[in-house]
Amino acid sequence: MTVSYDCYQNPLAELVNGILKGEFLLQRPAGLKQATWMVEQSVHIYKYERPHTALKYKTPDAVHRAS
C-alpha cells in the first residue's frame, strides 16, 4: 500500500481506504474519471469539512493551521 514498503504505514493506508469505502464512496463510479473525482471530493470533505472526535470536533485542516 505504501511507496516505501514500510509495514508501519500500512495500517494508516488501510484506515483511509476503509473510510473512503464506508463513508464516502457509497455508489459505484461509472469509470476512472468519475472515481478520481469522487476520491478527490472525499479527501476534501475529510480534511476540510468533516469534524473528527479525536481532534475535539475540529477538522484536520483547522488543527494543522492552528499549530
PDB file of N, CA and C in Angstrom:
ATOM      1  N   MET A   1       0.810  -1.194   0.000  1.00  0.00           N
ATOM      2  CA  MET A   1       0.000   0.000   0.000  1.00  0.00           C
ATOM      3  C   MET A   1       0.855   1.260   0.000  1.00  0.00           C
ATOM      4  N   THR A   2       2.027   1.230   0.597  1.00  0.00           N
ATOM      5  CA  THR A   2       2.830   2.444   0.710  1.00  0.00           C
ATOM      6  C   THR A   2       3.986   2.405  -0.269  1.00  0.00           C
ATOM      7  N   VAL A   3       4.484   3.571  -0.607  1.00  0.00           N
ATOM      8  CA  VAL A   3       5.566   3.689  -1.576  1.00  0.00           C
ATOM      9  C   VAL A   3       6.858   3.119  -1.018  1.00  0.00           C
ATOM     10  N   SER A   4       7.122   3.375   0.269  1.00  0.00           N
ATOM     11  CA  SER A   4       8.392   2.947   0.856  1.00  0.00           C
ATOM     12  C   SER A   4       8.363   1.516   1.394  1.00  0.00           C
ATOM     13  N   TYR A   5       7.229   0.836   1.251  1.00  0.00           N
ATOM     14  CA  TYR A   5       7.066  -0.532   1.744  1.00  0.00           C
ATOM     15  C   TYR A   5       7.303  -0.621   3.254  1.00  0.00           C
ATOM     16  N   ASP A   6       6.953   0.435   3.968  1.00  0.00           N
ATOM     17  CA  ASP A   6       7.087   0.470   5.416  1.00  0.00           C
ATOM     18  C   ASP A   6       5.848  -0.168   6.030  1.00  0.00           C
ATOM     19  N   CYS A   7       6.031  -1.269   6.724  1.00  0.00           N
ATOM     20  CA  CYS A   7       4.881  -2.005   7.264  1.00  0.00           C
ATOM     21  C   CYS A   7       4.109  -1.198   8.305  1.00  0.00           C
ATOM     22  N   TYR A   8       4.735  -0.212   8.919  1.00  0.00           N
ATOM     23  CA  TYR A   8       4.047   0.595   9.919  1.00  0.00           C
ATOM     24  C   TYR A   8       3.125   1.641   9.290  1.00  0.00           C
ATOM     25  N   GLN A   9       3.288   1.913   8.009  1.00  0.00           N
ATOM     26  CA  GLN A   9       2.403   2.848   7.322  1.00  0.00           C
ATOM     27  C   GLN A   9       1.173   2.146   6.749  1.00  0.00           C
ATOM     28  N   ASN A  10       1.214   0.843   6.611  1.00  0.00           N
ATOM     29  CA  ASN A  10       0.105   0.111   6.019  1.00  0.00           C
ATOM     30  C   ASN A  10      -1.203   0.246   6.806  1.00  0.00           C
ATOM     31  N   PRO A  11      -1.198   0.178   8.140  1.00  0.00           N
ATOM     32  CA  PRO A  11      -2.474   0.355   8.851  1.00  0.00           C
ATOM     33  C   PRO A  11      -3.127   1.704   8.570  1.00  0.00           C
ATOM     34  N   LEU A  12      -2.337   2.750   8.436  1.00  0.00           N
ATOM     35  CA  LEU A  12      -2.885   4.067   8.114  1.00  0.00           C
ATOM     36  C   LEU A  12      -3.511   4.063   6.727  1.00  0.00           C
ATOM     37  N   ALA A  13      -2.845   3.442   5.771  1.00  0.00           N
ATOM     38  CA  ALA A  13      -3.391   3.356   4.417  1.00  0.00           C
ATOM     39  C   ALA A  13      -4.691   2.557   4.419  1.00  0.00           C
ATOM     40  N   GLU A  14      -4.747   1.476   5.179  1.00  0.00           N
ATOM     41  CA  GLU A  14      -5.966   0.672   5.260  1.00  0.00           C
ATOM     42  C   GLU A  14      -7.097   1.446   5.933  1.00  0.00           C
ATOM     43  N   LEU A  15      -6.767   2.253   6.933  1.00  0.00           N
ATOM     44  CA  LEU A  15      -7.765   3.076   7.598  1.00  0.00           C
ATOM     45  C   LEU A  15      -8.378   4.065   6.613  1.00  0.00           C
ATOM     46  N   VAL A  16      -7.531   4.724   5.838  1.00  0.00           N
ATOM     47  CA  VAL A  16      -8.022   5.692   4.852  1.00  0.00           C
ATOM     48  C   VAL A  16      -8.885   4.991   3.810  1.00  0.00           C
ATOM     49  N   ASN A  17      -8.456   3.828   3.332  1.00  0.00           N
ATOM     50  CA  ASN A  17      -9.261   3.074   2.358  1.00  0.00           C
ATOM     51  C   ASN A  17     -10.613   2.695   2.949  1.00  0.00           C
ATOM     52  N   GLY A  18     -10.630   2.276   4.198  1.00  0.00           N
ATOM     53  CA  GLY A  18     -11.885   1.912   4.851  1.00  0.00           C
ATOM     54  C   GLY A  18     -12.828   3.092   4.991  1.00  0.00           C
ATOM     55  N   ILE A  19     -12.291   4.243   5.345  1.00  0.00           N
ATOM     56  CA  ILE A  19     -13.116   5.449   5.466  1.00  0.00           C
ATOM     57  C   ILE A  19     -13.678   5.837   4.106  1.00  0.00           C
ATOM     58  N   LEU A  20     -12.844   5.804   3.081  1.00  0.00           N
ATOM     59  CA  LEU A  20     -13.320   6.142   1.739  1.00  0.00           C
ATOM     60  C   LEU A  20     -14.449   5.212   1.310  1.00  0.00           C
ATOM     61  N   LYS A  21     -14.262   3.917   1.500  1.00  0.00           N
ATOM     62  CA  LYS A  21     -15.266   2.942   1.063  1.00  0.00           C
ATOM     63  C   LYS A  21     -16.528   2.993   1.912  1.00  0.00           C
ATOM     64  N   GLY A  22     -16.371   3.140   3.213  1.00  0.00           N
ATOM     65  CA  GLY A  22     -17.506   3.049   4.111  1.00  0.00           C
ATOM     66  C   GLY A  22     -18.314   4.319   4.271  1.00  0.00           C
ATOM     67  N   GLU A  23     -17.681   5.476   4.114  1.00  0.00           N
ATOM     68  CA  GLU A  23     -18.375   6.722   4.387  1.00  0.00           C
ATOM     69  C   GLU A  23     -18.618   7.585   3.155  1.00  0.00           C
ATOM     70  N   PHE A  24     -17.789   7.456   2.146  1.00  0.00           N
ATOM     71  CA  PHE A  24     -17.878   8.393   1.035  1.00  0.00           C
ATOM     72  C   PHE A  24     -18.272   7.759  -0.293  1.00  0.00           C
ATOM     73  N   LEU A  25     -17.669   6.660  -0.639  1.00  0.00           N
ATOM     74  CA  LEU A  25     -17.922   6.055  -1.943  1.00  0.00           C
ATOM     75  C   LEU A  25     -19.114   5.108  -1.839  1.00  0.00           C
ATOM     76  N   LEU A  26     -20.289   5.680  -1.745  1.00  0.00           N
ATOM     77  CA  LEU A  26     -21.491   4.896  -1.495  1.00  0.00           C
ATOM     78  C   LEU A  26     -22.126   4.361  -2.770  1.00  0.00           C
ATOM     79  N   GLN A  27     -21.640   4.784  -3.918  1.00  0.00           N
ATOM     80  CA  GLN A  27     -22.125   4.241  -5.184  1.00  0.00           C
ATOM     81  C   GLN A  27     -20.930   3.899  -6.063  1.00  0.00           C
ATOM     82  N   ARG A  28     -21.114   2.983  -6.955  1.00  0.00           N
ATOM     83  CA  ARG A  28     -20.040   2.551  -7.839  1.00  0.00           C
ATOM     84  C   ARG A  28     -19.827   3.586  -8.930  1.00  0.00           C
ATOM     85  N   PRO A  29     -18.571   4.043  -9.103  1.00  0.00           N
ATOM     86  CA  PRO A  29     -18.308   5.023 -10.162  1.00  0.00           C
ATOM     87  C   PRO A  29     -18.477   4.402 -11.552  1.00  0.00           C
ATOM     88  N   ALA A  30     -18.852   5.249 -12.506  1.00  0.00           N
ATOM     89  CA  ALA A  30     -19.070   4.783 -13.877  1.00  0.00           C
ATOM     90  C   ALA A  30     -17.752   4.506 -14.601  1.00  0.00           C
ATOM     91  N   GLY A  31     -16.698   5.160 -14.186  1.00  0.00           N
ATOM     92  CA  GLY A  31     -15.415   4.973 -14.844  1.00  0.00           C
ATOM     93  C   GLY A  31     -14.296   5.581 -14.016  1.00  0.00           C
ATOM     94  N   LEU A  32     -13.086   5.529 -14.551  1.00  0.00           N
ATOM     95  CA  LEU A  32     -11.915   6.026 -13.832  1.00  0.00           C
ATOM     96  C   LEU A  32     -12.015   7.523 -13.558  1.00  0.00           C
ATOM     97  N   LYS A  33     -12.496   8.289 -14.525  1.00  0.00           N
ATOM     98  CA  LYS A  33     -12.604   9.737 -14.343  1.00  0.00           C
ATOM     99  C   LYS A  33     -13.542  10.070 -13.182  1.00  0.00           C
ATOM    100  N   GLN A  34     -14.681   9.408 -13.132  1.00  0.00           N
ATOM    101  CA  GLN A  34     -15.625   9.660 -12.049  1.00  0.00           C
ATOM    102  C   GLN A  34     -15.060   9.163 -10.715  1.00  0.00           C
ATOM    103  N   ALA A  35     -14.387   8.034 -10.713  1.00  0.00           N
ATOM    104  CA  ALA A  35     -13.780   7.507  -9.485  1.00  0.00           C
ATOM    105  C   ALA A  35     -12.738   8.476  -8.942  1.00  0.00           C
ATOM    106  N   THR A  36     -11.916   9.023  -9.827  1.00  0.00           N
ATOM    107  CA  THR A  36     -10.902  10.001  -9.415  1.00  0.00           C
ATOM    108  C   THR A  36     -11.561  11.219  -8.798  1.00  0.00           C
ATOM    109  N   TRP A  37     -12.601  11.713  -9.438  1.00  0.00           N
ATOM    110  CA  TRP A  37     -13.326  12.881  -8.928  1.00  0.00           C
ATOM    111  C   TRP A  37     -13.934  12.570  -7.561  1.00  0.00           C
ATOM    112  N   MET A  38     -14.531  11.390  -7.410  1.00  0.00           N
ATOM    113  CA  MET A  38     -15.162  11.010  -6.144  1.00  0.00           C
ATOM    114  C   MET A  38     -14.137  10.929  -5.010  1.00  0.00           C
ATOM    115  N   VAL A  39     -12.969  10.376  -5.291  1.00  0.00           N
ATOM    116  CA  VAL A  39     -11.928  10.285  -4.266  1.00  0.00           C
ATOM    117  C   VAL A  39     -11.427  11.675  -3.905  1.00  0.00           C
ATOM    118  N   GLU A  40     -11.212  12.530  -4.883  1.00  0.00           N
ATOM    119  CA  GLU A  40     -10.766  13.903  -4.607  1.00  0.00           C
ATOM    120  C   GLU A  40     -11.781  14.635  -3.733  1.00  0.00           C
ATOM    121  N   GLN A  41     -13.055  14.505  -4.048  1.00  0.00           N
ATOM    122  CA  GLN A  41     -14.095  15.151  -3.254  1.00  0.00           C
ATOM    123  C   GLN A  41     -14.141  14.573  -1.837  1.00  0.00           C
ATOM    124  N   SER A  42     -13.981  13.275  -1.717  1.00  0.00           N
ATOM    125  CA  SER A  42     -13.999  12.629  -0.407  1.00  0.00           C
ATOM    126  C   SER A  42     -12.842  13.103   0.465  1.00  0.00           C
ATOM    127  N   VAL A  43     -11.659  13.196  -0.109  1.00  0.00           N
ATOM    128  CA  VAL A  43     -10.493  13.672   0.634  1.00  0.00           C
ATOM    129  C   VAL A  43     -10.697  15.126   1.063  1.00  0.00           C
ATOM    130  N   HIS A  44     -11.249  15.935   0.181  1.00  0.00           N
ATOM    131  CA  HIS A  44     -11.515  17.339   0.523  1.00  0.00           C
ATOM    132  C   HIS A  44     -12.480  17.424   1.716  1.00  0.00           C
ATOM    133  N   ILE A  45     -13.556  16.671   1.665  1.00  0.00           N
ATOM    134  CA  ILE A  45     -14.525  16.672   2.763  1.00  0.00           C
ATOM    135  C   ILE A  45     -13.860  16.196   4.050  1.00  0.00           C
ATOM    136  N   TYR A  46     -13.083  15.125   3.968  1.00  0.00           N
ATOM    137  CA  TYR A  46     -12.429  14.558   5.148  1.00  0.00           C
ATOM    138  C   TYR A  46     -11.476  15.564   5.790  1.00  0.00           C
ATOM    139  N   LYS A  47     -10.730  16.303   4.977  1.00  0.00           N
ATOM    140  CA  LYS A  47      -9.728  17.229   5.503  1.00  0.00           C
ATOM    141  C   LYS A  47     -10.285  18.591   5.913  1.00  0.00           C
ATOM    142  N   TYR A  48     -11.292  19.082   5.184  1.00  0.00           N
ATOM    143  CA  TYR A  48     -11.717  20.468   5.384  1.00  0.00           C
ATOM    144  C   TYR A  48     -13.117  20.644   5.966  1.00  0.00           C
ATOM    145  N   GLU A  49     -13.970  19.622   5.921  1.00  0.00           N
ATOM    146  CA  GLU A  49     -15.352  19.801   6.349  1.00  0.00           C
ATOM    147  C   GLU A  49     -15.794  18.858   7.460  1.00  0.00           C
ATOM    148  N   ARG A  50     -15.218  17.666   7.530  1.00  0.00           N
ATOM    149  CA  ARG A  50     -15.687  16.644   8.478  1.00  0.00           C
ATOM    150  C   ARG A  50     -15.003  16.817   9.829  1.00  0.00           C
ATOM    151  N   PRO A  51     -15.766  17.125  10.886  1.00  0.00           N
ATOM    152  CA  PRO A  51     -15.145  17.224  12.214  1.00  0.00           C
ATOM    153  C   PRO A  51     -14.775  15.827  12.733  1.00  0.00           C
ATOM    154  N   HIS A  52     -13.684  15.747  13.472  1.00  0.00           N
ATOM    155  CA  HIS A  52     -13.176  14.479  13.979  1.00  0.00           C
ATOM    156  C   HIS A  52     -13.234  14.485  15.503  1.00  0.00           C
ATOM    157  N   THR A  53     -13.766  13.437  16.077  1.00  0.00           N
ATOM    158  CA  THR A  53     -13.855  13.373  17.535  1.00  0.00           C
ATOM    159  C   THR A  53     -12.478  13.388  18.186  1.00  0.00           C
ATOM    160  N   ALA A  54     -11.510  12.734  17.578  1.00  0.00           N
ATOM    161  CA  ALA A  54     -10.151  12.700  18.133  1.00  0.00           C
ATOM    162  C   ALA A  54      -9.485  14.079  18.109  1.00  0.00           C
ATOM    163  N   LEU A  55     -10.019  14.982  17.294  1.00  0.00           N
ATOM    164  CA  LEU A  55      -9.470  16.346  17.203  1.00  0.00           C
ATOM    165  C   LEU A  55     -10.393  17.347  17.893  1.00  0.00           C
ATOM    166  N   LYS A  56     -11.173  16.870  18.849  1.00  0.00           N
ATOM    167  CA  LYS A  56     -12.120  17.709  19.592  1.00  0.00           C
ATOM    168  C   LYS A  56     -13.107  18.399  18.658  1.00  0.00           C
ATOM    169  N   TYR A  57     -13.614  17.628  17.717  1.00  0.00           N
ATOM    170  CA  TYR A  57     -14.626  18.073  16.750  1.00  0.00           C
ATOM    171  C   TYR A  57     -14.148  19.231  15.869  1.00  0.00           C
ATOM    172  N   LYS A  58     -12.864  19.210  15.551  1.00  0.00           N
ATOM    173  CA  LYS A  58     -12.291  20.155  14.581  1.00  0.00           C
ATOM    174  C   LYS A  58     -11.894  19.363  13.344  1.00  0.00           C
ATOM    175  N   THR A  59     -11.691  20.067  12.252  1.00  0.00           N
ATOM    176  CA  THR A  59     -11.219  19.408  11.035  1.00  0.00           C
ATOM    177  C   THR A  59      -9.703  19.278  11.078  1.00  0.00           C
ATOM    178  N   PRO A  60      -9.122  18.320  10.351  1.00  0.00           N
ATOM    179  CA  PRO A  60      -7.657  18.218  10.314  1.00  0.00           C
ATOM    180  C   PRO A  60      -7.010  19.519   9.817  1.00  0.00           C
ATOM    181  N   ASP A  61      -7.631  20.186   8.860  1.00  0.00           N
ATOM    182  CA  ASP A  61      -7.074  21.432   8.359  1.00  0.00           C
ATOM    183  C   ASP A  61      -7.050  22.503   9.435  1.00  0.00           C
ATOM    184  N   ALA A  62      -8.110  22.630  10.212  1.00  0.00           N
ATOM    185  CA  ALA A  62      -8.156  23.620  11.274  1.00  0.00           C
ATOM    186  C   ALA A  62      -7.097  23.355  12.331  1.00  0.00           C
ATOM    187  N   VAL A  63      -6.910  22.081  12.679  1.00  0.00           N
ATOM    188  CA  VAL A  63      -5.879  21.732  13.677  1.00  0.00           C
ATOM    189  C   VAL A  63      -4.497  22.038  13.126  1.00  0.00           C
ATOM    190  N   HIS A  64      -4.272  21.717  11.864  1.00  0.00           N
ATOM    191  CA  HIS A  64      -2.971  21.963  11.245  1.00  0.00           C
ATOM    192  C   HIS A  64      -2.673  23.465  11.180  1.00  0.00           C
ATOM    193  N   ARG A  65      -3.654  24.275  10.808  1.00  0.00           N
ATOM    194  CA  ARG A  65      -3.445  25.713  10.724  1.00  0.00           C
ATOM    195  C   ARG A  65      -3.212  26.343  12.095  1.00  0.00           C
ATOM    196  N   ALA A  66      -3.786  25.756  13.143  1.00  0.00           N
ATOM    197  CA  ALA A  66      -3.649  26.305  14.498  1.00  0.00           C
ATOM    198  C   ALA A  66      -2.279  26.028  15.103  1.00  0.00           C
ATOM    199  N   SER A  67      -1.582  25.030  14.584  1.00  0.00           N
ATOM    200  CA  SER A  67      -0.279  24.697  15.195  1.00  0.00           C
ATOM    201  C   SER A  67       0.878  25.406  14.547  1.00  0.00           C
TER     202      SER A  67
END
